[in-house]
Amino acid sequence: MNIIILQHIKIEDPGYIKDLMLDDGLNLTTIELDEGEKIPNDLTKFDGMFCMGGPMDTYMEKEYPWLVEEKKRIKEFVINLKKPYLGFCLGCQLLGEVVGGKVVKSNPAEIGIMDINFTDNKKEDSLFSKFPDNIKSLQWHSYEVQGIDKDPDITLLASSPVTKYQIFKYQHHAYGIQFHIEIKDTTVNEWGCVPEYKKALEDQLGNDALEKFDQSAKNNMRDMNNYSKILYNNFKTLL
């Protein structure tokens, strides 16, 4: 199976799920958009697409002009080709914009290990039906998807007290996940070195927040790794 991974900063890759894909022998093609790499012209050769997070926001097309092309190619993959898509954080927001929603500033930003509450729609979903009704996961975002409530192609799967669209599904093959369960033990410290992430963290939780955040993530890592396994194994059935 051939998977294309769209990355917006090198340290933010599919994490634990990438390890699972490599163990399975999947053929991974990583496009580092922030470094000027181009998405291949022919997307039909890929069975699935992962779109990861990043320090930029969807509206920053002047600062990051490659966002324009990325949105077009996501639209081609998801809407025209109807192929499986999994977007995390920024990748979730890009999907939301592509299918007709809008991305707006969260009030407040969500940063920390926080609660995710599934809707009843989870019971019938091919990726998340085996998840508990409530989980804890890592949040590190200040924007979110809105404006897709009346779209019959959208299914709301999970929310948090702040963000309604923590997980949504477009038709039956494309998923946006606003939070991060794909992380590994090293993730929080690595992301804490990114100036935009560090500032958001300190603005929200104070100057000494990184060490506590890292420990909190490690305390929940076993569960998040298990959720990643369930998600990945179910995603393979869509490929």
C-alpha atoms as a PDB file:
ATOM      1  CA  MET A   1       0.000   0.000   0.000  1.00  0.00           C
ATOM      2  CA  ASN A   2       1.173   3.504  -0.837  1.00  0.00           C
ATOM      3  CA  ILE A   3       0.595   6.329   1.626  1.00  0.00           C
ATOM      4  CA  ILE A   4       1.369  10.002   1.017  1.00  0.00           C
ATOM      5  CA  ILE A   5       2.147  12.100   4.104  1.00  0.00           C
ATOM      6  CA  LEU A   6       1.868  15.891   3.924  1.00  0.00           C
ATOM      7  CA  GLN A   7       4.081  17.520   6.557  1.00  0.00           C
ATOM      8  CA  HIS A   8       4.391  21.179   7.487  1.00  0.00           C
ATOM      9  CA  ILE A   9       7.368  20.891   9.842  1.00  0.00           C
ATOM     10  CA  LYS A  10       9.784  17.969  10.016  1.00  0.00           C
ATOM     11  CA  ILE A  11       9.260  17.136  13.681  1.00  0.00           C
ATOM     12  CA  GLU A  12       5.496  16.765  13.250  1.00  0.00           C
ATOM     13  CA  ASP A  13       5.112  13.434  11.477  1.00  0.00           C
ATOM     14  CA  PRO A  14       2.605  10.590  12.059  1.00  0.00           C
ATOM     15  CA  GLY A  15       4.587   9.583  15.156  1.00  0.00           C
ATOM     16  CA  TYR A  16       3.549   6.268  16.646  1.00  0.00           C
ATOM     17  CA  ILE A  17       1.287   5.545  13.673  1.00  0.00           C
ATOM     18  CA  LYS A  18       4.266   6.002  11.355  1.00  0.00           C
ATOM     19  CA  ASP A  19       6.095   3.313  13.325  1.00  0.00           C
ATOM     20  CA  LEU A  20       3.120   0.988  12.859  1.00  0.00           C
ATOM     21  CA  MET A  21       3.002   1.682   9.128  1.00  0.00           C
ATOM     22  CA  LEU A  22       6.718   0.995   8.739  1.00  0.00           C
ATOM     23  CA  ASP A  23       6.385  -2.241  10.722  1.00  0.00           C
ATOM     24  CA  ASP A  24       3.655  -3.285   8.278  1.00  0.00           C
ATOM     25  CA  GLY A  25       5.864  -2.522   5.292  1.00  0.00           C
ATOM     26  CA  LEU A  26       3.690   0.241   3.869  1.00  0.00           C
ATOM     27  CA  ASN A  27       5.330   2.435   1.244  1.00  0.00           C
ATOM     28  CA  LEU A  28       5.454   5.968   2.670  1.00  0.00           C
ATOM     29  CA  THR A  29       6.020   9.092   0.571  1.00  0.00           C
ATOM     30  CA  THR A  30       6.629  12.136   2.777  1.00  0.00           C
ATOM     31  CA  ILE A  31       6.253  15.614   1.286  1.00  0.00           C
ATOM     32  CA  GLU A  32       7.897  18.306   3.437  1.00  0.00           C
ATOM     33  CA  LEU A  33       5.879  21.270   2.179  1.00  0.00           C
ATOM     34  CA  ASP A  34       7.633  23.856   4.342  1.00  0.00           C
ATOM     35  CA  GLU A  35      10.933  22.880   2.718  1.00  0.00           C
ATOM     36  CA  GLY A  36       9.637  23.418  -0.801  1.00  0.00           C
ATOM     37  CA  GLU A  37       8.855  19.815  -1.708  1.00  0.00           C
ATOM     38  CA  LYS A  38       6.009  19.416  -4.194  1.00  0.00           C
ATOM     39  CA  ILE A  39       3.000  17.109  -4.040  1.00  0.00           C
ATOM     40  CA  PRO A  40       3.213  14.614  -6.946  1.00  0.00           C
ATOM     41  CA  ASN A  41       1.045  15.366  -9.967  1.00  0.00           C
ATOM     42  CA  ASP A  42      -0.467  11.879  -9.982  1.00  0.00           C
ATOM     43  CA  LEU A  43      -2.326  11.210  -6.743  1.00  0.00           C
ATOM     44  CA  THR A  44      -4.126   8.132  -8.070  1.00  0.00           C
ATOM     45  CA  LYS A  45      -1.145   5.931  -7.166  1.00  0.00           C
ATOM     46  CA  PHE A  46      -1.670   6.589  -3.445  1.00  0.00           C
ATOM     47  CA  ASP A  47      -4.088   4.499  -1.385  1.00  0.00           C
ATOM     48  CA  GLY A  48      -4.326   6.949   1.498  1.00  0.00           C
ATOM     49  CA  MET A  49      -3.243  10.414   2.637  1.00  0.00           C
ATOM     50  CA  PHE A  50      -2.065  11.640   6.033  1.00  0.00           C
ATOM     51  CA  CYS A  51      -1.969  15.401   6.627  1.00  0.00           C
ATOM     52  CA  MET A  52      -0.192  16.494   9.768  1.00  0.00           C
ATOM     53  CA  GLY A  53      -0.072  19.529  12.045  1.00  0.00           C
ATOM     54  CA  GLY A  54       2.141  22.587  11.841  1.00  0.00           C
ATOM     55  CA  PRO A  55       2.900  26.004  13.346  1.00  0.00           C
ATOM     56  CA  MET A  56       1.104  27.898  10.570  1.00  0.00           C
ATOM     57  CA  ASP A  57      -2.650  28.468  10.194  1.00  0.00           C
ATOM     58  CA  THR A  58      -4.869  27.810   7.190  1.00  0.00           C
ATOM     59  CA  TYR A  59      -5.359  31.505   6.369  1.00  0.00           C
ATOM     60  CA  MET A  60      -1.603  32.228   6.073  1.00  0.00           C
ATOM     61  CA  GLU A  61      -1.427  31.791   2.298  1.00  0.00           C
ATOM     62  CA  LYS A  62       0.727  34.899   1.780  1.00  0.00           C
ATOM     63  CA  GLU A  63       3.333  33.724   4.280  1.00  0.00           C
ATOM     64  CA  TYR A  64       3.101  30.087   3.123  1.00  0.00           C
ATOM     65  CA  PRO A  65       1.996  30.170  -0.545  1.00  0.00           C
ATOM     66  CA  TRP A  66       2.223  26.378  -0.840  1.00  0.00           C
ATOM     67  CA  LEU A  67      -0.950  26.204   1.279  1.00  0.00           C
ATOM     68  CA  VAL A  68      -2.934  27.186  -1.832  1.00  0.00           C
ATOM     69  CA  GLU A  69      -1.716  24.181  -3.808  1.00  0.00           C
ATOM     70  CA  GLU A  70      -2.016  21.881  -0.799  1.00  0.00           C
ATOM     71  CA  LYS A  71      -5.698  22.732  -0.376  1.00  0.00           C
ATOM     72  CA  LYS A  72      -6.325  22.032  -4.072  1.00  0.00           C
ATOM     73  CA  ARG A  73      -4.620  18.649  -3.863  1.00  0.00           C
ATOM     74  CA  ILE A  74      -6.439  17.641  -0.677  1.00  0.00           C
ATOM     75  CA  LYS A  75      -9.686  18.549  -2.430  1.00  0.00           C
ATOM     76  CA  GLU A  76      -8.686  16.426  -5.417  1.00  0.00           C
ATOM     77  CA  PHE A  77      -7.822  13.455  -3.198  1.00  0.00           C
ATOM     78  CA  VAL A  78     -10.834  13.638  -0.885  1.00  0.00           C
ATOM     79  CA  ILE A  79     -13.660  15.035  -3.010  1.00  0.00           C
ATOM     80  CA  ASN A  80     -12.747  13.975  -6.556  1.00  0.00           C
ATOM     81  CA  LEU A  81     -10.897  10.705  -5.986  1.00  0.00           C
ATOM     82  CA  LYS A  82     -12.767   9.869  -2.763  1.00  0.00           C
ATOM     83  CA  LYS A  83      -9.718   8.250  -1.200  1.00  0.00           C
ATOM     84  CA  PRO A  84      -9.036   7.694   2.522  1.00  0.00           C
ATOM     85  CA  TYR A  85      -7.693  10.738   4.342  1.00  0.00           C
ATOM     86  CA  LEU A  86      -6.611  11.261   7.940  1.00  0.00           C
ATOM     87  CA  GLY A  87      -5.827  14.809   9.070  1.00  0.00           C
ATOM     88  CA  PHE A  88      -4.445  15.794  12.472  1.00  0.00           C
ATOM     89  CA  CYS A  89      -4.708  19.337  13.924  1.00  0.00           C
ATOM     90  CA  LEU A  90      -3.776  21.583  10.951  1.00  0.00           C
ATOM     91  CA  GLY A  91      -4.619  18.611   8.711  1.00  0.00           C
ATOM     92  CA  CYS A  92      -8.069  18.527  10.316  1.00  0.00           C
ATOM     93  CA  GLN A  93      -8.545  22.241   9.719  1.00  0.00           C
ATOM     94  CA  LEU A  94      -7.432  21.964   6.088  1.00  0.00           C
ATOM     95  CA  LEU A  95     -10.012  19.230   5.520  1.00  0.00           C
ATOM     96  CA  GLY A  96     -12.676  21.361   7.174  1.00  0.00           C
ATOM     97  CA  GLU A  97     -11.898  24.284   4.886  1.00  0.00           C
ATOM     98  CA  VAL A  98     -11.738  22.076   1.783  1.00  0.00           C
ATOM     99  CA  VAL A  99     -15.226  20.634   2.395  1.00  0.00           C
ATOM    100  CA  GLY A 100     -16.781  24.067   2.868  1.00  0.00           C
ATOM    101  CA  GLY A 101     -16.256  24.957   6.520  1.00  0.00           C
ATOM    102  CA  LYS A 102     -14.348  27.828   8.063  1.00  0.00           C
ATOM    103  CA  VAL A 103     -11.411  27.834  10.449  1.00  0.00           C
ATOM    104  CA  VAL A 104     -11.734  30.269  13.349  1.00  0.00           C
ATOM    105  CA  LYS A 105      -9.796  31.124  16.483  1.00  0.00           C
ATOM    106  CA  SER A 106     -10.625  28.914  19.455  1.00  0.00           C
ATOM    107  CA  ASN A 107     -11.811  30.601  22.642  1.00  0.00           C
ATOM    108  CA  PRO A 108      -9.771  29.718  24.564  1.00  0.00           C
ATOM    109  CA  ALA A 109      -6.906  27.819  22.932  1.00  0.00           C
ATOM    110  CA  GLU A 110      -6.719  24.168  23.978  1.00  0.00           C
ATOM    111  CA  ILE A 111      -3.302  23.086  25.202  1.00  0.00           C
ATOM    112  CA  GLY A 112      -2.737  20.171  27.544  1.00  0.00           C
ATOM    113  CA  ILE A 113      -3.998  16.654  28.156  1.00  0.00           C
ATOM    114  CA  MET A 114      -7.744  17.125  27.888  1.00  0.00           C
ATOM    115  CA  ASP A 115     -11.028  15.267  27.624  1.00  0.00           C
ATOM    116  CA  ILE A 116     -12.527  14.153  24.304  1.00  0.00           C
ATOM    117  CA  ASN A 117     -16.163  13.066  24.382  1.00  0.00           C
ATOM    118  CA  PHE A 118     -17.562  10.907  21.587  1.00  0.00           C
ATOM    119  CA  THR A 119     -21.055  11.301  20.177  1.00  0.00           C
ATOM    120  CA  ASP A 120     -23.502   8.459  19.595  1.00  0.00           C
ATOM    121  CA  ASN A 121     -22.367   8.444  15.952  1.00  0.00           C
ATOM    122  CA  LYS A 122     -19.220   6.679  17.116  1.00  0.00           C
ATOM    123  CA  LYS A 123     -21.104   3.414  17.519  1.00  0.00           C
ATOM    124  CA  GLU A 124     -21.556   3.019  13.753  1.00  0.00           C
ATOM    125  CA  ASP A 125     -18.196   4.399  12.657  1.00  0.00           C
ATOM    126  CA  SER A 126     -15.633   2.130  11.056  1.00  0.00           C
ATOM    127  CA  LEU A 127     -12.632   3.840  12.691  1.00  0.00           C
ATOM    128  CA  PHE A 128     -13.829   4.806  16.162  1.00  0.00           C
ATOM    129  CA  SER A 129     -16.551   2.336  17.178  1.00  0.00           C
ATOM    130  CA  LYS A 130     -14.143   0.476  19.501  1.00  0.00           C
ATOM    131  CA  PHE A 131     -13.001   3.620  21.302  1.00  0.00           C
ATOM    132  CA  PRO A 132     -14.270   4.382  24.818  1.00  0.00           C
ATOM    133  CA  ASP A 133     -16.962   7.046  25.024  1.00  0.00           C
ATOM    134  CA  ASN A 134     -14.492   9.391  26.705  1.00  0.00           C
ATOM    135  CA  ILE A 135     -10.732   9.592  26.272  1.00  0.00           C
ATOM    136  CA  LYS A 136      -7.910  11.929  27.215  1.00  0.00           C
ATOM    137  CA  SER A 137      -5.566  13.183  24.545  1.00  0.00           C
ATOM    138  CA  LEU A 138      -3.026  15.877  23.783  1.00  0.00           C
ATOM    139  CA  GLN A 139      -4.347  19.217  22.544  1.00  0.00           C
ATOM    140  CA  TRP A 140      -2.118  21.973  21.170  1.00  0.00           C
ATOM    141  CA  HIS A 141      -4.225  24.225  18.971  1.00  0.00           C
ATOM    142  CA  SER A 142      -5.654  27.744  18.896  1.00  0.00           C
ATOM    143  CA  TYR A 143      -7.872  27.405  15.785  1.00  0.00           C
ATOM    144  CA  GLU A 144     -10.747  25.053  15.005  1.00  0.00           C
ATOM    145  CA  VAL A 145     -13.253  24.073  12.308  1.00  0.00           C
ATOM    146  CA  GLN A 146     -16.751  25.543  12.332  1.00  0.00           C
ATOM    147  CA  GLY A 147     -19.542  26.103   9.834  1.00  0.00           C
ATOM    148  CA  ILE A 148     -20.144  22.499   8.736  1.00  0.00           C
ATOM    149  CA  ASP A 149     -23.195  21.785  10.896  1.00  0.00           C
ATOM    150  CA  LYS A 150     -25.704  21.706   8.039  1.00  0.00           C
ATOM    151  CA  ASP A 151     -23.590  19.686   5.606  1.00  0.00           C
ATOM    152  CA  PRO A 152     -25.221  16.253   5.114  1.00  0.00           C
ATOM    153  CA  ASP A 153     -21.820  14.808   4.154  1.00  0.00           C
ATOM    154  CA  ILE A 154     -20.377  15.634   7.599  1.00  0.00           C
ATOM    155  CA  THR A 155     -20.706  13.401  10.658  1.00  0.00           C
ATOM    156  CA  LEU A 156     -19.679  14.749  14.063  1.00  0.00           C
ATOM    157  CA  LEU A 157     -17.895  12.009  15.997  1.00  0.00           C
ATOM    158  CA  ALA A 158     -16.332  13.739  19.014  1.00  0.00           C
ATOM    159  CA  SER A 159     -16.218  17.081  20.820  1.00  0.00           C
ATOM    160  CA  SER A 160     -14.542  18.737  23.788  1.00  0.00           C
ATOM    161  CA  PRO A 161     -15.995  21.387  26.094  1.00  0.00           C
ATOM    162  CA  VAL A 162     -14.292  24.069  23.953  1.00  0.00           C
ATOM    163  CA  THR A 163     -14.188  22.604  20.447  1.00  0.00           C
ATOM    164  CA  LYS A 164     -17.248  21.033  18.840  1.00  0.00           C
ATOM    165  CA  TYR A 165     -15.460  19.400  15.911  1.00  0.00           C
ATOM    166  CA  GLN A 166     -12.727  17.416  17.625  1.00  0.00           C
ATOM    167  CA  ILE A 167     -13.389  14.577  15.176  1.00  0.00           C
ATOM    168  CA  PHE A 168     -15.522  14.790  12.073  1.00  0.00           C
ATOM    169  CA  LYS A 169     -15.977  12.566   9.054  1.00  0.00           C
ATOM    170  CA  TYR A 170     -16.593  13.612   5.457  1.00  0.00           C
ATOM    171  CA  GLN A 171     -18.754  11.006   3.745  1.00  0.00           C
ATOM    172  CA  HIS A 172     -17.187   7.668   4.742  1.00  0.00           C
ATOM    173  CA  HIS A 173     -13.516   8.041   3.862  1.00  0.00           C
ATOM    174  CA  ALA A 174     -12.044  11.302   5.167  1.00  0.00           C
ATOM    175  CA  TYR A 175     -11.498  12.184   8.827  1.00  0.00           C
ATOM    176  CA  GLY A 176     -10.387  15.315  10.631  1.00  0.00           C
ATOM    177  CA  ILE A 177      -8.942  14.864  14.124  1.00  0.00           C
ATOM    178  CA  GLN A 178      -8.215  18.118  15.965  1.00  0.00           C
ATOM    179  CA  PHE A 179      -6.184  16.524  18.760  1.00  0.00           C
ATOM    180  CA  HIS A 180      -3.060  14.346  18.841  1.00  0.00           C
ATOM    181  CA  ILE A 181      -3.089  10.670  19.769  1.00  0.00           C
ATOM    182  CA  GLU A 182      -0.276   9.873  17.327  1.00  0.00           C
ATOM    183  CA  ILE A 183       2.390  11.268  19.660  1.00  0.00           C
ATOM    184  CA  LYS A 184       5.376   9.453  21.179  1.00  0.00           C
ATOM    185  CA  ASP A 185       7.388   9.921  24.380  1.00  0.00           C
ATOM    186  CA  THR A 186       9.658  12.491  22.731  1.00  0.00           C
ATOM    187  CA  THR A 187       6.926  14.588  21.107  1.00  0.00           C
ATOM    188  CA  VAL A 188       6.143  17.253  23.713  1.00  0.00           C
ATOM    189  CA  ASN A 189       9.775  18.230  24.267  1.00  0.00           C
ATOM    190  CA  GLU A 190      10.424  18.323  20.516  1.00  0.00           C
ATOM    191  CA  TRP A 191       7.386  20.493  19.846  1.00  0.00           C
ATOM    192  CA  GLY A 192       8.285  22.708  22.786  1.00  0.00           C
ATOM    193  CA  CYS A 193      11.348  23.834  20.806  1.00  0.00           C
ATOM    194  CA  VAL A 194       9.161  25.360  18.071  1.00  0.00           C
ATOM    195  CA  PRO A 195       8.802  29.091  18.887  1.00  0.00           C
ATOM    196  CA  GLU A 196       5.117  29.278  17.913  1.00  0.00           C
ATOM    197  CA  TYR A 197       4.257  26.200  19.978  1.00  0.00           C
ATOM    198  CA  LYS A 198       6.325  27.334  22.952  1.00  0.00           C
ATOM    199  CA  LYS A 199       4.666  30.764  22.995  1.00  0.00           C
ATOM    200  CA  ALA A 200       1.173  29.256  22.807  1.00  0.00           C
ATOM    201  CA  LEU A 201       2.044  26.864  25.626  1.00  0.00           C
ATOM    202  CA  GLU A 202       3.455  29.570  27.888  1.00  0.00           C
ATOM    203  CA  ASP A 203       0.600  31.968  27.125  1.00  0.00           C
ATOM    204  CA  GLN A 204      -1.874  29.307  28.154  1.00  0.00           C
ATOM    205  CA  LEU A 205      -0.119  27.499  31.007  1.00  0.00           C
ATOM    206  CA  GLY A 206       2.776  29.687  32.207  1.00  0.00           C
ATOM    207  CA  ASN A 207       6.539  29.794  31.774  1.00  0.00           C
ATOM    208  CA  ASP A 208       7.240  26.491  33.542  1.00  0.00           C
ATOM    209  CA  ALA A 209       4.563  24.509  31.752  1.00  0.00           C
ATOM    210  CA  LEU A 210       6.649  22.360  29.410  1.00  0.00           C
ATOM    211  CA  GLU A 211       7.986  19.915  32.000  1.00  0.00           C
ATOM    212  CA  LYS A 212       4.547  19.357  33.556  1.00  0.00           C
ATOM    213  CA  PHE A 213       2.952  18.999  30.114  1.00  0.00           C
ATOM    214  CA  ASP A 214       5.580  16.468  29.094  1.00  0.00           C
ATOM    215  CA  GLN A 215       5.012  14.399  32.238  1.00  0.00           C
ATOM    216  CA  SER A 216       1.255  14.524  31.815  1.00  0.00           C
ATOM    217  CA  ALA A 217       1.640  13.265  28.253  1.00  0.00           C
ATOM    218  CA  LYS A 218       3.907  10.428  29.388  1.00  0.00           C
ATOM    219  CA  ASN A 219       1.358   9.467  32.066  1.00  0.00           C
ATOM    220  CA  ASN A 220      -1.241   8.995  29.326  1.00  0.00           C
ATOM    221  CA  MET A 221       1.070   7.619  26.638  1.00  0.00           C
ATOM    222  CA  ARG A 222       0.072   3.958  26.961  1.00  0.00           C
ATOM    223  CA  ASP A 223      -3.584   4.787  26.351  1.00  0.00           C
ATOM    224  CA  MET A 224      -2.786   7.108  23.440  1.00  0.00           C
ATOM    225  CA  ASN A 225      -0.559   4.480  21.824  1.00  0.00           C
ATOM    226  CA  ASN A 226      -3.362   1.945  22.186  1.00  0.00           C
ATOM    227  CA  TYR A 227      -5.849   4.347  20.574  1.00  0.00           C
ATOM    228  CA  SER A 228      -3.367   4.905  17.749  1.00  0.00           C
ATOM    229  CA  LYS A 229      -3.210   1.159  17.154  1.00  0.00           C
ATOM    230  CA  ILE A 230      -6.990   0.888  16.983  1.00  0.00           C
ATOM    231  CA  LEU A 231      -7.220   3.888  14.674  1.00  0.00           C
ATOM    232  CA  TYR A 232      -4.478   2.634  12.380  1.00  0.00           C
ATOM    233  CA  ASN A 233      -5.776  -0.934  12.151  1.00  0.00           C
ATOM    234  CA  ASN A 234      -9.245   0.346  11.297  1.00  0.00           C
ATOM    235  CA  PHE A 235      -7.905   2.892   8.827  1.00  0.00           C
ATOM    236  CA  LYS A 236      -6.198   0.057   6.945  1.00  0.00           C
ATOM    237  CA  THR A 237      -9.630  -1.393   6.185  1.00  0.00           C
ATOM    238  CA  LEU A 238     -10.429   1.767   4.181  1.00  0.00           C
ATOM    239  CA  LEU A 239      -7.324   1.468   2.004  1.00  0.00           C
END
